[in-house]
Amino acid sequence: CPSNLCKGAELRRLRFGASSNNHGAQQLSSGSYGRIVYAGDGANDICPALSLGPNDVVLARGGDALAKYAAAAAEDSSLQQFAAPVYVWNSHEQLAQLVKEHAQAASS
């Protein structure tokens, strides 16, 4: 993906944090986010979702590319597997409830 649109790079930045030193170079500081709740649907969400860890959560829109890949990976061990649990949502109300549940779990 283009560097200005790379969701995986943005996730790494969120996960580890980034600050600029006096010369404008980026420096990572660990622990900005201990858990990421990632909601997505399209094929461009598969790569960043695969980069998440077991403490993170993937929320995939039912019927779209991310949910289809998750279902296929669950059946085919030759496909790259998700470390994060994957939950499928079909309405914005379901998505809101999943975000609420998993954001609360992260803060407890």
C-alpha atoms as a PDB file:
ATOM      1  CA  CYS A   1       0.000   0.000   0.000  1.00  0.00           C
ATOM      2  CA  PRO A   2       1.151   3.598  -0.438  1.00  0.00           C
ATOM      3  CA  SER A   3       3.133   4.901   2.557  1.00  0.00           C
ATOM      4  CA  ASN A   4       0.608   7.666   3.187  1.00  0.00           C
ATOM      5  CA  LEU A   5      -2.269   5.131   3.320  1.00  0.00           C
ATOM      6  CA  CYS A   6      -0.685   2.165   5.094  1.00  0.00           C
ATOM      7  CA  LYS A   7      -3.024   1.056   7.872  1.00  0.00           C
ATOM      8  CA  GLY A   8      -0.394  -1.359   9.211  1.00  0.00           C
ATOM      9  CA  ALA A   9       2.082   1.498   9.649  1.00  0.00           C
ATOM     10  CA  GLU A  10      -0.572   3.593  11.363  1.00  0.00           C
ATOM     11  CA  LEU A  11      -1.352   0.721  13.743  1.00  0.00           C
ATOM     12  CA  ARG A  12       2.334   0.434  14.632  1.00  0.00           C
ATOM     13  CA  ARG A  13       2.441   4.173  15.260  1.00  0.00           C
ATOM     14  CA  LEU A  14      -0.602   3.950  17.523  1.00  0.00           C
ATOM     15  CA  ARG A  15       0.703   0.864  19.299  1.00  0.00           C
ATOM     16  CA  PHE A  16       4.170   2.163  20.048  1.00  0.00           C
ATOM     17  CA  GLY A  17       3.615   5.908  19.836  1.00  0.00           C
ATOM     18  CA  ALA A  18       5.764   8.282  17.874  1.00  0.00           C
ATOM     19  CA  SER A  19       7.339  11.546  18.795  1.00  0.00           C
ATOM     20  CA  SER A  20       9.727  13.767  16.934  1.00  0.00           C
ATOM     21  CA  ASN A  21      13.164  14.623  18.240  1.00  0.00           C
ATOM     22  CA  ASN A  22      14.747  18.048  17.685  1.00  0.00           C
ATOM     23  CA  HIS A  23      15.833  17.030  14.180  1.00  0.00           C
ATOM     24  CA  GLY A  24      12.357  15.882  13.064  1.00  0.00           C
ATOM     25  CA  ALA A  25      13.196  12.157  13.194  1.00  0.00           C
ATOM     26  CA  GLN A  26      10.509   9.872  14.609  1.00  0.00           C
ATOM     27  CA  GLN A  27      11.244   8.009  17.826  1.00  0.00           C
ATOM     28  CA  LEU A  28       9.077   5.210  19.211  1.00  0.00           C
ATOM     29  CA  SER A  29       7.904   5.178  22.792  1.00  0.00           C
ATOM     30  CA  SER A  30       6.428   1.886  23.956  1.00  0.00           C
ATOM     31  CA  GLY A  31       3.040   1.368  25.501  1.00  0.00           C
ATOM     32  CA  SER A  32       0.818   4.076  24.013  1.00  0.00           C
ATOM     33  CA  TYR A  33      -1.977   1.528  23.560  1.00  0.00           C
ATOM     34  CA  GLY A  34      -2.046  -1.829  25.299  1.00  0.00           C
ATOM     35  CA  ARG A  35      -5.015  -3.047  23.262  1.00  0.00           C
ATOM     36  CA  ILE A  36      -6.390  -2.137  19.870  1.00  0.00           C
ATOM     37  CA  VAL A  37     -10.014  -2.783  18.896  1.00  0.00           C
ATOM     38  CA  TYR A  38      -9.859  -2.743  15.083  1.00  0.00           C
ATOM     39  CA  ALA A  39     -13.024  -2.501  12.983  1.00  0.00           C
ATOM     40  CA  GLY A  40     -12.815  -3.124   9.265  1.00  0.00           C
ATOM     41  CA  ASP A  41     -14.440  -4.642   6.249  1.00  0.00           C
ATOM     42  CA  GLY A  42     -12.387  -4.524   3.076  1.00  0.00           C
ATOM     43  CA  ALA A  43      -9.407  -6.362   1.664  1.00  0.00           C
ATOM     44  CA  ASN A  44      -7.212  -3.439   2.718  1.00  0.00           C
ATOM     45  CA  ASP A  45      -8.045  -4.296   6.354  1.00  0.00           C
ATOM     46  CA  ILE A  46      -6.720  -7.868   6.221  1.00  0.00           C
ATOM     47  CA  CYS A  47      -3.016  -7.012   6.483  1.00  0.00           C
ATOM     48  CA  PRO A  48      -3.333  -4.647   9.462  1.00  0.00           C
ATOM     49  CA  ALA A  49      -5.751  -7.024  11.212  1.00  0.00           C
ATOM     50  CA  LEU A  50      -3.247  -9.870  10.796  1.00  0.00           C
ATOM     51  CA  SER A  51      -0.609  -7.725  12.513  1.00  0.00           C
ATOM     52  CA  LEU A  52      -2.630  -7.488  15.733  1.00  0.00           C
ATOM     53  CA  GLY A  53      -1.790  -9.557  18.789  1.00  0.00           C
ATOM     54  CA  PRO A  54      -3.800 -11.854  21.070  1.00  0.00           C
ATOM     55  CA  ASN A  55      -4.758  -8.991  23.416  1.00  0.00           C
ATOM     56  CA  ASP A  56      -6.280  -7.025  20.520  1.00  0.00           C
ATOM     57  CA  VAL A  57      -9.665  -7.535  18.850  1.00  0.00           C
ATOM     58  CA  VAL A  58     -10.741  -7.569  15.196  1.00  0.00           C
ATOM     59  CA  LEU A  59     -14.312  -6.539  14.381  1.00  0.00           C
ATOM     60  CA  ALA A  60     -15.106  -7.617  10.821  1.00  0.00           C
ATOM     61  CA  ARG A  61     -18.212  -6.589   8.876  1.00  0.00           C
ATOM     62  CA  GLY A  62     -20.136  -9.722   7.904  1.00  0.00           C
ATOM     63  CA  GLY A  63     -20.105 -10.638   4.238  1.00  0.00           C
ATOM     64  CA  ASP A  64     -17.162  -8.433   3.328  1.00  0.00           C
ATOM     65  CA  ALA A  65     -13.544  -9.303   2.517  1.00  0.00           C
ATOM     66  CA  LEU A  66     -12.135  -9.186   6.061  1.00  0.00           C
ATOM     67  CA  ALA A  67     -14.833 -11.482   7.484  1.00  0.00           C
ATOM     68  CA  LYS A  68     -14.538 -13.803   4.479  1.00  0.00           C
ATOM     69  CA  TYR A  69     -10.770 -14.062   4.952  1.00  0.00           C
ATOM     70  CA  ALA A  70     -11.212 -14.748   8.684  1.00  0.00           C
ATOM     71  CA  ALA A  71     -13.689 -17.538   7.916  1.00  0.00           C
ATOM     72  CA  ALA A  72     -11.400 -19.009   5.253  1.00  0.00           C
ATOM     73  CA  ALA A  73      -8.372 -18.843   7.586  1.00  0.00           C
ATOM     74  CA  ALA A  74     -10.338 -20.632  10.303  1.00  0.00           C
ATOM     75  CA  GLU A  75     -10.867 -23.504   7.844  1.00  0.00           C
ATOM     76  CA  ASP A  76      -7.456 -23.479   6.126  1.00  0.00           C
ATOM     77  CA  SER A  77      -4.321 -23.520   8.282  1.00  0.00           C
ATOM     78  CA  SER A  78      -2.159 -22.756   5.234  1.00  0.00           C
ATOM     79  CA  LEU A  79      -3.532 -19.194   5.273  1.00  0.00           C
ATOM     80  CA  GLN A  80      -1.937 -16.652   7.599  1.00  0.00           C
ATOM     81  CA  GLN A  81      -3.809 -16.817  10.902  1.00  0.00           C
ATOM     82  CA  PHE A  82      -5.115 -14.035  13.110  1.00  0.00           C
ATOM     83  CA  ALA A  83      -3.554 -13.791  16.564  1.00  0.00           C
ATOM     84  CA  ALA A  84      -6.389 -11.506  17.695  1.00  0.00           C
ATOM     85  CA  PRO A  85      -9.897 -12.901  18.159  1.00  0.00           C
ATOM     86  CA  VAL A  86     -12.261 -11.972  15.327  1.00  0.00           C
ATOM     87  CA  TYR A  87     -15.890 -10.970  15.917  1.00  0.00           C
ATOM     88  CA  VAL A  88     -18.286 -10.457  12.999  1.00  0.00           C
ATOM     89  CA  TRP A  89     -20.855  -7.657  12.995  1.00  0.00           C
ATOM     90  CA  ASN A  90     -23.753  -7.048  10.619  1.00  0.00           C
ATOM     91  CA  SER A  91     -25.218  -3.746  11.795  1.00  0.00           C
ATOM     92  CA  HIS A  92     -23.871  -0.544  13.242  1.00  0.00           C
ATOM     93  CA  GLU A  93     -25.735  -1.335  16.457  1.00  0.00           C
ATOM     94  CA  GLN A  94     -23.828  -4.638  16.734  1.00  0.00           C
ATOM     95  CA  LEU A  95     -20.565  -2.841  15.982  1.00  0.00           C
ATOM     96  CA  ALA A  96     -21.254  -0.229  18.672  1.00  0.00           C
ATOM     97  CA  GLN A  97     -22.035  -2.967  21.215  1.00  0.00           C
ATOM     98  CA  LEU A  98     -18.854  -4.897  20.367  1.00  0.00           C
ATOM     99  CA  VAL A  99     -16.726  -1.760  20.628  1.00  0.00           C
ATOM    100  CA  LYS A 100     -18.313  -0.950  23.992  1.00  0.00           C
ATOM    101  CA  GLU A 101     -17.758  -4.491  25.316  1.00  0.00           C
ATOM    102  CA  HIS A 102     -14.152  -4.736  24.199  1.00  0.00           C
ATOM    103  CA  ALA A 103     -13.192  -1.187  25.154  1.00  0.00           C
ATOM    104  CA  GLN A 104     -14.553  -1.811  28.658  1.00  0.00           C
ATOM    105  CA  ALA A 105     -12.681  -5.126  28.867  1.00  0.00           C
ATOM    106  CA  ALA A 106      -9.473  -3.301  27.963  1.00  0.00           C
ATOM    107  CA  SER A 107      -9.917  -0.749  30.735  1.00  0.00           C
ATOM    108  CA  SER A 108     -10.712  -3.290  33.476  1.00  0.00           C
END
